[in-house]
Amino acid sequence: MGSYMRKKMILFGLNEPRWSGRNYQALAEEGFGKNVIAHRAIRLLSESAASVPLHLFRGDQKIDHHPLLDLLARPNPARSQADFFEAAYAYLNIAGNSYLEMT
């Protein structure tokens, strides 16, 4: 048998490991979407981190009113601050990176 057939038999044979694809989407689906323990752990971390209140300081002085605070309080019409940061922290835990961009 050629190496292609051996590889095919290993991937699809009975009682053999089935490897996920080596890309972000496949790893996220396997690790987060199909693993209830990882899913719950990431949700707990994300929800907890998003519940920490944000404060803005200039030196030692706390700033109560600033356009940045307004933006973070309501990042877009469809999401609250907590929803927005829960998603950002979840991406950080799943992928190792999370990017925020103001447009």
PDB file of N, CA and C in Angstrom:
ATOM      1  N   MET A   1       0.830  -1.181   0.000  1.00  0.00           N
ATOM      2  CA  MET A   1       0.000   0.000   0.000  1.00  0.00           C
ATOM      3  C   MET A   1       0.871   1.239   0.000  1.00  0.00           C
ATOM      4  N   GLY A   2       0.470   2.229  -0.750  1.00  0.00           N
ATOM      5  CA  GLY A   2       1.217   3.479  -0.770  1.00  0.00           C
ATOM      6  C   GLY A   2       0.987   4.268   0.509  1.00  0.00           C
ATOM      7  N   SER A   3       1.790   5.299   0.716  1.00  0.00           N
ATOM      8  CA  SER A   3       1.661   6.094   1.937  1.00  0.00           C
ATOM      9  C   SER A   3       0.314   6.810   1.994  1.00  0.00           C
ATOM     10  N   TYR A   4      -0.265   7.161   0.856  1.00  0.00           N
ATOM     11  CA  TYR A   4      -1.568   7.829   0.845  1.00  0.00           C
ATOM     12  C   TYR A   4      -2.632   6.922   1.444  1.00  0.00           C
ATOM     13  N   MET A   5      -2.640   5.661   1.055  1.00  0.00           N
ATOM     14  CA  MET A   5      -3.653   4.735   1.566  1.00  0.00           C
ATOM     15  C   MET A   5      -3.459   4.487   3.058  1.00  0.00           C
ATOM     16  N   ARG A   6      -2.219   4.352   3.504  1.00  0.00           N
ATOM     17  CA  ARG A   6      -1.982   4.153   4.928  1.00  0.00           C
ATOM     18  C   ARG A   6      -2.491   5.354   5.715  1.00  0.00           C
ATOM     19  N   LYS A   7      -2.210   6.551   5.199  1.00  0.00           N
ATOM     20  CA  LYS A   7      -2.656   7.767   5.868  1.00  0.00           C
ATOM     21  C   LYS A   7      -4.182   7.805   5.923  1.00  0.00           C
ATOM     22  N   LYS A   8      -4.820   7.450   4.826  1.00  0.00           N
ATOM     23  CA  LYS A   8      -6.272   7.460   4.764  1.00  0.00           C
ATOM     24  C   LYS A   8      -6.854   6.446   5.744  1.00  0.00           C
ATOM     25  N   MET A   9      -6.260   5.278   5.854  1.00  0.00           N
ATOM     26  CA  MET A   9      -6.754   4.254   6.767  1.00  0.00           C
ATOM     27  C   MET A   9      -6.592   4.714   8.216  1.00  0.00           C
ATOM     28  N   ILE A  10      -5.507   5.368   8.539  1.00  0.00           N
ATOM     29  CA  ILE A  10      -5.295   5.845   9.905  1.00  0.00           C
ATOM     30  C   ILE A  10      -6.308   6.927  10.245  1.00  0.00           C
ATOM     31  N   LEU A  11      -6.553   7.835   9.319  1.00  0.00           N
ATOM     32  CA  LEU A  11      -7.483   8.926   9.599  1.00  0.00           C
ATOM     33  C   LEU A  11      -8.930   8.454   9.709  1.00  0.00           C
ATOM     34  N   PHE A  12      -9.301   7.446   8.938  1.00  0.00           N
ATOM     35  CA  PHE A  12     -10.700   7.053   8.901  1.00  0.00           C
ATOM     36  C   PHE A  12     -10.966   5.641   9.410  1.00  0.00           C
ATOM     37  N   GLY A  13      -9.932   4.943   9.891  1.00  0.00           N
ATOM     38  CA  GLY A  13     -10.111   3.594  10.387  1.00  0.00           C
ATOM     39  C   GLY A  13     -10.818   3.583  11.732  1.00  0.00           C
ATOM     40  N   LEU A  14     -11.337   2.438  12.101  1.00  0.00           N
ATOM     41  CA  LEU A  14     -12.010   2.302  13.386  1.00  0.00           C
ATOM     42  C   LEU A  14     -10.999   2.315  14.523  1.00  0.00           C
ATOM     43  N   ASN A  15     -11.388   2.869  15.644  1.00  0.00           N
ATOM     44  CA  ASN A  15     -10.547   2.918  16.844  1.00  0.00           C
ATOM     45  C   ASN A  15      -9.216   3.623  16.614  1.00  0.00           C
ATOM     46  N   GLU A  16      -9.196   4.548  15.716  1.00  0.00           N
ATOM     47  CA  GLU A  16      -7.993   5.309  15.424  1.00  0.00           C
ATOM     48  C   GLU A  16      -8.262   6.772  15.762  1.00  0.00           C
ATOM     49  N   PRO A  17      -7.232   7.523  16.109  1.00  0.00           N
ATOM     50  CA  PRO A  17      -7.432   8.945  16.386  1.00  0.00           C
ATOM     51  C   PRO A  17      -7.870   9.697  15.137  1.00  0.00           C
ATOM     52  N   ARG A  18      -8.687  10.703  15.331  1.00  0.00           N
ATOM     53  CA  ARG A  18      -9.112  11.579  14.238  1.00  0.00           C
ATOM     54  C   ARG A  18      -8.621  12.968  14.580  1.00  0.00           C
ATOM     55  N   TRP A  19      -7.696  13.477  13.826  1.00  0.00           N
ATOM     56  CA  TRP A  19      -7.079  14.759  14.103  1.00  0.00           C
ATOM     57  C   TRP A  19      -7.879  15.872  13.466  1.00  0.00           C
ATOM     58  N   SER A  20      -8.000  16.971  14.191  1.00  0.00           N
ATOM     59  CA  SER A  20      -8.655  18.143  13.611  1.00  0.00           C
ATOM     60  C   SER A  20      -7.677  18.834  12.670  1.00  0.00           C
ATOM     61  N   GLY A  21      -8.207  19.693  11.830  1.00  0.00           N
ATOM     62  CA  GLY A  21      -7.349  20.457  10.940  1.00  0.00           C
ATOM     63  C   GLY A  21      -6.453  21.388  11.737  1.00  0.00           C
ATOM     64  N   ARG A  22      -5.354  21.775  11.182  1.00  0.00           N
ATOM     65  CA  ARG A  22      -4.398  22.630  11.883  1.00  0.00           C
ATOM     66  C   ARG A  22      -4.620  24.093  11.519  1.00  0.00           C
ATOM     67  N   ASN A  23      -5.839  24.550  11.655  1.00  0.00           N
ATOM     68  CA  ASN A  23      -6.129  25.961  11.431  1.00  0.00           C
ATOM     69  C   ASN A  23      -6.974  26.457  12.595  1.00  0.00           C
ATOM     70  N   TYR A  24      -7.058  27.762  12.730  1.00  0.00           N
ATOM     71  CA  TYR A  24      -7.731  28.340  13.883  1.00  0.00           C
ATOM     72  C   TYR A  24      -9.176  27.872  14.005  1.00  0.00           C
ATOM     73  N   GLN A  25      -9.917  27.903  12.916  1.00  0.00           N
ATOM     74  CA  GLN A  25     -11.330  27.551  12.983  1.00  0.00           C
ATOM     75  C   GLN A  25     -11.525  26.112  13.452  1.00  0.00           C
ATOM     76  N   ALA A  26     -10.763  25.186  12.911  1.00  0.00           N
ATOM     77  CA  ALA A  26     -10.908  23.779  13.299  1.00  0.00           C
ATOM     78  C   ALA A  26     -10.508  23.578  14.760  1.00  0.00           C
ATOM     79  N   LEU A  27      -9.410  24.203  15.183  1.00  0.00           N
ATOM     80  CA  LEU A  27      -8.981  24.051  16.573  1.00  0.00           C
ATOM     81  C   LEU A  27      -9.974  24.687  17.538  1.00  0.00           C
ATOM     82  N   ALA A  28     -10.532  25.834  17.172  1.00  0.00           N
ATOM     83  CA  ALA A  28     -11.518  26.486  18.026  1.00  0.00           C
ATOM     84  C   ALA A  28     -12.790  25.651  18.140  1.00  0.00           C
ATOM     85  N   GLU A  29     -13.233  25.075  17.031  1.00  0.00           N
ATOM     86  CA  GLU A  29     -14.435  24.226  17.064  1.00  0.00           C
ATOM     87  C   GLU A  29     -14.214  22.997  17.937  1.00  0.00           C
ATOM     88  N   GLU A  30     -13.051  22.368  17.796  1.00  0.00           N
ATOM     89  CA  GLU A  30     -12.761  21.176  18.590  1.00  0.00           C
ATOM     90  C   GLU A  30     -12.547  21.514  20.061  1.00  0.00           C
ATOM     91  N   GLY A  31     -11.726  22.523  20.327  1.00  0.00           N
ATOM     92  CA  GLY A  31     -11.351  22.834  21.703  1.00  0.00           C
ATOM     93  C   GLY A  31     -12.381  23.605  22.478  1.00  0.00           C
ATOM     94  N   PHE A  32     -13.104  24.503  21.835  1.00  0.00           N
ATOM     95  CA  PHE A  32     -14.068  25.350  22.525  1.00  0.00           C
ATOM     96  C   PHE A  32     -15.504  24.870  22.284  1.00  0.00           C
ATOM     97  N   GLY A  33     -15.820  24.606  21.050  1.00  0.00           N
ATOM     98  CA  GLY A  33     -17.199  24.258  20.705  1.00  0.00           C
ATOM     99  C   GLY A  33     -17.611  22.863  21.105  1.00  0.00           C
ATOM    100  N   LYS A  34     -16.697  21.931  21.133  1.00  0.00           N
ATOM    101  CA  LYS A  34     -17.057  20.535  21.415  1.00  0.00           C
ATOM    102  C   LYS A  34     -16.560  20.033  22.763  1.00  0.00           C
ATOM    103  N   ASN A  35     -15.826  20.849  23.497  1.00  0.00           N
ATOM    104  CA  ASN A  35     -15.289  20.429  24.786  1.00  0.00           C
ATOM    105  C   ASN A  35     -15.975  21.256  25.868  1.00  0.00           C
ATOM    106  N   VAL A  36     -16.909  20.641  26.591  1.00  0.00           N
ATOM    107  CA  VAL A  36     -17.716  21.389  27.559  1.00  0.00           C
ATOM    108  C   VAL A  36     -16.882  21.951  28.705  1.00  0.00           C
ATOM    109  N   ILE A  37     -15.822  21.283  29.082  1.00  0.00           N
ATOM    110  CA  ILE A  37     -14.983  21.769  30.176  1.00  0.00           C
ATOM    111  C   ILE A  37     -14.213  23.013  29.730  1.00  0.00           C
ATOM    112  N   ALA A  38     -13.596  22.958  28.551  1.00  0.00           N
ATOM    113  CA  ALA A  38     -12.881  24.126  28.029  1.00  0.00           C
ATOM    114  C   ALA A  38     -13.851  25.277  27.779  1.00  0.00           C
ATOM    115  N   HIS A  39     -15.021  24.971  27.242  1.00  0.00           N
ATOM    116  CA  HIS A  39     -16.029  25.998  26.972  1.00  0.00           C
ATOM    117  C   HIS A  39     -16.427  26.703  28.263  1.00  0.00           C
ATOM    118  N   ARG A  40     -16.700  25.947  29.307  1.00  0.00           N
ATOM    119  CA  ARG A  40     -17.117  26.548  30.574  1.00  0.00           C
ATOM    120  C   ARG A  40     -15.981  27.342  31.225  1.00  0.00           C
ATOM    121  N   ALA A  41     -14.770  26.827  31.149  1.00  0.00           N
ATOM    122  CA  ALA A  41     -13.627  27.533  31.728  1.00  0.00           C
ATOM    123  C   ALA A  41     -13.400  28.873  31.033  1.00  0.00           C
ATOM    124  N   ILE A  42     -13.470  28.876  29.716  1.00  0.00           N
ATOM    125  CA  ILE A  42     -13.283  30.116  28.965  1.00  0.00           C
ATOM    126  C   ILE A  42     -14.420  31.081  29.243  1.00  0.00           C
ATOM    127  N   ARG A  43     -15.652  30.579  29.333  1.00  0.00           N
ATOM    128  CA  ARG A  43     -16.782  31.462  29.659  1.00  0.00           C
ATOM    129  C   ARG A  43     -16.625  32.075  31.044  1.00  0.00           C
ATOM    130  N   LEU A  44     -16.217  31.275  32.028  1.00  0.00           N
ATOM    131  CA  LEU A  44     -16.018  31.810  33.382  1.00  0.00           C
ATOM    132  C   LEU A  44     -14.946  32.894  33.403  1.00  0.00           C
ATOM    133  N   LEU A  45     -13.830  32.642  32.740  1.00  0.00           N
ATOM    134  CA  LEU A  45     -12.756  33.644  32.672  1.00  0.00           C
ATOM    135  C   LEU A  45     -13.235  34.915  31.972  1.00  0.00           C
ATOM    136  N   SER A  46     -13.912  34.757  30.859  1.00  0.00           N
ATOM    137  CA  SER A  46     -14.361  35.904  30.077  1.00  0.00           C
ATOM    138  C   SER A  46     -15.396  36.726  30.828  1.00  0.00           C
ATOM    139  N   GLU A  47     -16.360  36.057  31.439  1.00  0.00           N
ATOM    140  CA  GLU A  47     -17.393  36.768  32.194  1.00  0.00           C
ATOM    141  C   GLU A  47     -16.794  37.485  33.393  1.00  0.00           C
ATOM    142  N   SER A  48     -15.876  36.831  34.076  1.00  0.00           N
ATOM    143  CA  SER A  48     -15.246  37.443  35.251  1.00  0.00           C
ATOM    144  C   SER A  48     -14.401  38.648  34.860  1.00  0.00           C
ATOM    145  N   ALA A  49     -13.594  38.508  33.826  1.00  0.00           N
ATOM    146  CA  ALA A  49     -12.738  39.615  33.392  1.00  0.00           C
ATOM    147  C   ALA A  49     -13.574  40.791  32.896  1.00  0.00           C
ATOM    148  N   ALA A  50     -14.681  40.514  32.208  1.00  0.00           N
ATOM    149  CA  ALA A  50     -15.532  41.586  31.683  1.00  0.00           C
ATOM    150  C   ALA A  50     -16.278  42.316  32.797  1.00  0.00           C
ATOM    151  N   SER A  51     -16.405  41.701  33.950  1.00  0.00           N
ATOM    152  CA  SER A  51     -17.135  42.347  35.054  1.00  0.00           C
ATOM    153  C   SER A  51     -16.264  43.308  35.860  1.00  0.00           C
ATOM    154  N   VAL A  52     -14.967  43.330  35.595  1.00  0.00           N
ATOM    155  CA  VAL A  52     -14.065  44.252  36.306  1.00  0.00           C
ATOM    156  C   VAL A  52     -14.333  45.673  35.802  1.00  0.00           C
ATOM    157  N   PRO A  53     -14.609  46.606  36.704  1.00  0.00           N
ATOM    158  CA  PRO A  53     -14.896  47.977  36.248  1.00  0.00           C
ATOM    159  C   PRO A  53     -13.656  48.645  35.657  1.00  0.00           C
ATOM    160  N   LEU A  54     -13.885  49.437  34.625  1.00  0.00           N
ATOM    161  CA  LEU A  54     -12.798  50.160  33.970  1.00  0.00           C
ATOM    162  C   LEU A  54     -12.714  51.576  34.531  1.00  0.00           C
ATOM    163  N   HIS A  55     -11.495  52.038  34.754  1.00  0.00           N
ATOM    164  CA  HIS A  55     -11.250  53.403  35.223  1.00  0.00           C
ATOM    165  C   HIS A  55     -10.169  54.002  34.346  1.00  0.00           C
ATOM    166  N   LEU A  56     -10.278  55.291  34.118  1.00  0.00           N
ATOM    167  CA  LEU A  56      -9.300  56.007  33.316  1.00  0.00           C
ATOM    168  C   LEU A  56      -8.581  57.010  34.210  1.00  0.00           C
ATOM    169  N   PHE A  57      -7.263  56.996  34.113  1.00  0.00           N
ATOM    170  CA  PHE A  57      -6.444  57.899  34.927  1.00  0.00           C
ATOM    171  C   PHE A  57      -5.518  58.706  34.033  1.00  0.00           C
ATOM    172  N   ARG A  58      -5.263  59.925  34.437  1.00  0.00           N
ATOM    173  CA  ARG A  58      -4.210  60.749  33.853  1.00  0.00           C
ATOM    174  C   ARG A  58      -3.268  61.045  35.003  1.00  0.00           C
ATOM    175  N   GLY A  59      -2.146  60.350  35.026  1.00  0.00           N
ATOM    176  CA  GLY A  59      -1.264  60.425  36.189  1.00  0.00           C
ATOM    177  C   GLY A  59      -1.970  59.776  37.370  1.00  0.00           C
ATOM    178  N   ASP A  60      -2.087  60.501  38.478  1.00  0.00           N
ATOM    179  CA  ASP A  60      -2.787  59.984  39.652  1.00  0.00           C
ATOM    180  C   ASP A  60      -4.250  60.412  39.699  1.00  0.00           C
ATOM    181  N   GLN A  61      -4.665  61.243  38.747  1.00  0.00           N
ATOM    182  CA  GLN A  61      -6.024  61.784  38.762  1.00  0.00           C
ATOM    183  C   GLN A  61      -6.971  60.885  37.969  1.00  0.00           C
ATOM    184  N   LYS A  62      -8.052  60.478  38.621  1.00  0.00           N
ATOM    185  CA  LYS A  62      -9.071  59.664  37.965  1.00  0.00           C
ATOM    186  C   LYS A  62      -9.946  60.572  37.112  1.00  0.00           C
ATOM    187  N   ILE A  63     -10.186  60.161  35.869  1.00  0.00           N
ATOM    188  CA  ILE A  63     -11.015  60.923  34.937  1.00  0.00           C
ATOM    189  C   ILE A  63     -12.371  60.231  34.839  1.00  0.00           C
ATOM    190  N   ASP A  64     -13.440  60.969  35.155  1.00  0.00           N
ATOM    191  CA  ASP A  64     -14.779  60.394  35.148  1.00  0.00           C
ATOM    192  C   ASP A  64     -15.498  60.535  33.808  1.00  0.00           C
ATOM    193  N   HIS A  65     -15.179  61.572  33.047  1.00  0.00           N
ATOM    194  CA  HIS A  65     -15.848  61.811  31.765  1.00  0.00           C
ATOM    195  C   HIS A  65     -14.799  61.967  30.675  1.00  0.00           C
ATOM    196  N   HIS A  66     -14.906  61.092  29.672  1.00  0.00           N
ATOM    197  CA  HIS A  66     -13.954  61.118  28.560  1.00  0.00           C
ATOM    198  C   HIS A  66     -14.595  60.360  27.395  1.00  0.00           C
ATOM    199  N   PRO A  67     -14.332  60.778  26.155  1.00  0.00           N
ATOM    200  CA  PRO A  67     -14.905  60.063  24.997  1.00  0.00           C
ATOM    201  C   PRO A  67     -14.533  58.580  24.952  1.00  0.00           C
ATOM    202  N   LEU A  68     -13.348  58.222  25.416  1.00  0.00           N
ATOM    203  CA  LEU A  68     -12.951  56.809  25.450  1.00  0.00           C
ATOM    204  C   LEU A  68     -13.851  56.009  26.387  1.00  0.00           C
ATOM    205  N   LEU A  69     -14.172  56.563  27.529  1.00  0.00           N
ATOM    206  CA  LEU A  69     -15.071  55.879  28.467  1.00  0.00           C
ATOM    207  C   LEU A  69     -16.467  55.737  27.870  1.00  0.00           C
ATOM    208  N   ASP A  70     -16.920  56.758  27.149  1.00  0.00           N
ATOM    209  CA  ASP A  70     -18.228  56.671  26.478  1.00  0.00           C
ATOM    210  C   ASP A  70     -18.234  55.571  25.426  1.00  0.00           C
ATOM    211  N   LEU A  71     -17.164  55.487  24.661  1.00  0.00           N
ATOM    212  CA  LEU A  71     -17.060  54.456  23.626  1.00  0.00           C
ATOM    213  C   LEU A  71     -17.026  53.061  24.227  1.00  0.00           C
ATOM    214  N   LEU A  72     -16.248  52.880  25.284  1.00  0.00           N
ATOM    215  CA  LEU A  72     -16.157  51.563  25.912  1.00  0.00           C
ATOM    216  C   LEU A  72     -17.451  51.177  26.622  1.00  0.00           C
ATOM    217  N   ALA A  73     -18.208  52.173  27.103  1.00  0.00           N
ATOM    218  CA  ALA A  73     -19.479  51.881  27.760  1.00  0.00           C
ATOM    219  C   ALA A  73     -20.512  51.353  26.758  1.00  0.00           C
ATOM    220  N   ARG A  74     -20.441  51.819  25.532  1.00  0.00           N
ATOM    221  CA  ARG A  74     -21.360  51.368  24.480  1.00  0.00           C
ATOM    222  C   ARG A  74     -20.580  51.248  23.173  1.00  0.00           C
ATOM    223  N   PRO A  75     -19.835  50.135  22.993  1.00  0.00           N
ATOM    224  CA  PRO A  75     -18.948  50.003  21.835  1.00  0.00           C
ATOM    225  C   PRO A  75     -19.676  49.998  20.487  1.00  0.00           C
ATOM    226  N   ASN A  76     -20.896  49.498  20.465  1.00  0.00           N
ATOM    227  CA  ASN A  76     -21.712  49.569  19.254  1.00  0.00           C
ATOM    228  C   ASN A  76     -23.179  49.411  19.655  1.00  0.00           C
ATOM    229  N   PRO A  77     -24.102  49.743  18.754  1.00  0.00           N
ATOM    230  CA  PRO A  77     -25.516  49.698  19.128  1.00  0.00           C
ATOM    231  C   PRO A  77     -26.040  48.304  19.500  1.00  0.00           C
ATOM    232  N   ALA A  78     -25.367  47.268  19.037  1.00  0.00           N
ATOM    233  CA  ALA A  78     -25.859  45.910  19.275  1.00  0.00           C
ATOM    234  C   ALA A  78     -25.274  45.250  20.519  1.00  0.00           C
ATOM    235  N   ARG A  79     -24.245  45.836  21.112  1.00  0.00           N
ATOM    236  CA  ARG A  79     -23.562  45.190  22.237  1.00  0.00           C
ATOM    237  C   ARG A  79     -23.346  46.135  23.392  1.00  0.00           C
ATOM    238  N   SER A  80     -23.464  45.577  24.581  1.00  0.00           N
ATOM    239  CA  SER A  80     -23.121  46.338  25.776  1.00  0.00           C
ATOM    240  C   SER A  80     -21.624  46.193  26.040  1.00  0.00           C
ATOM    241  N   GLN A  81     -21.136  46.940  27.000  1.00  0.00           N
ATOM    242  CA  GLN A  81     -19.726  46.857  27.366  1.00  0.00           C
ATOM    243  C   GLN A  81     -19.377  45.436  27.811  1.00  0.00           C
ATOM    244  N   ALA A  82     -20.215  44.832  28.642  1.00  0.00           N
ATOM    245  CA  ALA A  82     -19.931  43.483  29.141  1.00  0.00           C
ATOM    246  C   ALA A  82     -19.893  42.467  28.001  1.00  0.00           C
ATOM    247  N   ASP A  83     -20.867  42.530  27.083  1.00  0.00           N
ATOM    248  CA  ASP A  83     -20.884  41.605  25.940  1.00  0.00           C
ATOM    249  C   ASP A  83     -19.635  41.769  25.081  1.00  0.00           C
ATOM    250  N   PHE A  84     -19.270  43.017  24.834  1.00  0.00           N
ATOM    251  CA  PHE A  84     -18.109  43.317  24.005  1.00  0.00           C
ATOM    252  C   PHE A  84     -16.833  42.747  24.616  1.00  0.00           C
ATOM    253  N   PHE A  85     -16.619  43.000  25.908  1.00  0.00           N
ATOM    254  CA  PHE A  85     -15.394  42.525  26.539  1.00  0.00           C
ATOM    255  C   PHE A  85     -15.414  41.021  26.797  1.00  0.00           C
ATOM    256  N   GLU A  86     -16.578  40.441  27.030  1.00  0.00           N
ATOM    257  CA  GLU A  86     -16.652  38.973  27.138  1.00  0.00           C
ATOM    258  C   GLU A  86     -16.170  38.334  25.842  1.00  0.00           C
ATOM    259  N   ALA A  87     -16.616  38.865  24.706  1.00  0.00           N
ATOM    260  CA  ALA A  87     -16.186  38.324  23.410  1.00  0.00           C
ATOM    261  C   ALA A  87     -14.689  38.526  23.210  1.00  0.00           C
ATOM    262  N   ALA A  88     -14.177  39.696  23.551  1.00  0.00           N
ATOM    263  CA  ALA A  88     -12.743  39.961  23.378  1.00  0.00           C
ATOM    264  C   ALA A  88     -11.903  39.023  24.241  1.00  0.00           C
ATOM    265  N   TYR A  89     -12.314  38.823  25.487  1.00  0.00           N
ATOM    266  CA  TYR A  89     -11.569  37.925  26.377  1.00  0.00           C
ATOM    267  C   TYR A  89     -11.709  36.465  25.943  1.00  0.00           C
ATOM    268  N   ALA A  90     -12.858  36.090  25.405  1.00  0.00           N
ATOM    269  CA  ALA A  90     -13.028  34.722  24.904  1.00  0.00           C
ATOM    270  C   ALA A  90     -12.083  34.482  23.730  1.00  0.00           C
ATOM    271  N   TYR A  91     -12.033  35.422  22.771  1.00  0.00           N
ATOM    272  CA  TYR A  91     -11.094  35.283  21.650  1.00  0.00           C
ATOM    273  C   TYR A  91      -9.662  35.199  22.151  1.00  0.00           C
ATOM    274  N   LEU A  92      -9.333  35.999  23.151  1.00  0.00           N
ATOM    275  CA  LEU A  92      -7.984  35.963  23.715  1.00  0.00           C
ATOM    276  C   LEU A  92      -7.661  34.579  24.276  1.00  0.00           C
ATOM    277  N   ASN A  93      -8.604  33.988  24.990  1.00  0.00           N
ATOM    278  CA  ASN A  93      -8.374  32.662  25.578  1.00  0.00           C
ATOM    279  C   ASN A  93      -8.364  31.550  24.540  1.00  0.00           C
ATOM    280  N   ILE A  94      -9.151  31.689  23.498  1.00  0.00           N
ATOM    281  CA  ILE A  94      -9.220  30.636  22.478  1.00  0.00           C
ATOM    282  C   ILE A  94      -8.024  30.715  21.533  1.00  0.00           C
ATOM    283  N   ALA A  95      -7.724  31.919  21.053  1.00  0.00           N
ATOM    284  CA  ALA A  95      -6.716  32.067  20.001  1.00  0.00           C
ATOM    285  C   ALA A  95      -5.357  32.534  20.500  1.00  0.00           C
ATOM    286  N   GLY A  96      -5.326  33.118  21.690  1.00  0.00           N
ATOM    287  CA  GLY A  96      -4.065  33.664  22.181  1.00  0.00           C
ATOM    288  C   GLY A  96      -3.877  35.121  21.811  1.00  0.00           C
ATOM    289  N   ASN A  97      -4.754  35.643  20.961  1.00  0.00           N
ATOM    290  CA  ASN A  97      -4.725  37.041  20.549  1.00  0.00           C
ATOM    291  C   ASN A  97      -6.153  37.561  20.484  1.00  0.00           C
ATOM    292  N   SER A  98      -6.298  38.837  20.729  1.00  0.00           N
ATOM    293  CA  SER A  98      -7.593  39.481  20.573  1.00  0.00           C
ATOM    294  C   SER A  98      -7.326  40.924  20.208  1.00  0.00           C
ATOM    295  N   TYR A  99      -7.897  41.362  19.106  1.00  0.00           N
ATOM    296  CA  TYR A  99      -7.631  42.712  18.613  1.00  0.00           C
ATOM    297  C   TYR A  99      -8.889  43.551  18.665  1.00  0.00           C
ATOM    298  N   LEU A 100      -8.735  44.788  19.081  1.00  0.00           N
ATOM    299  CA  LEU A 100      -9.830  45.750  19.107  1.00  0.00           C
ATOM    300  C   LEU A 100      -9.420  46.899  18.202  1.00  0.00           C
ATOM    301  N   GLU A 101     -10.318  47.305  17.334  1.00  0.00           N
ATOM    302  CA  GLU A 101     -10.016  48.386  16.406  1.00  0.00           C
ATOM    303  C   GLU A 101     -11.185  49.363  16.390  1.00  0.00           C
ATOM    304  N   MET A 102     -10.869  50.615  16.517  1.00  0.00           N
ATOM    305  CA  MET A 102     -11.891  51.645  16.421  1.00  0.00           C
ATOM    306  C   MET A 102     -11.973  52.092  14.971  1.00  0.00           C
ATOM    307  N   THR A 103     -13.178  52.064  14.417  1.00  0.00           N
ATOM    308  CA  THR A 103     -13.341  52.489  13.018  1.00  0.00           C
ATOM    309  C   THR A 103     -14.233  53.698  12.933  1.00  0.00           C
TER     310      THR A 103
END
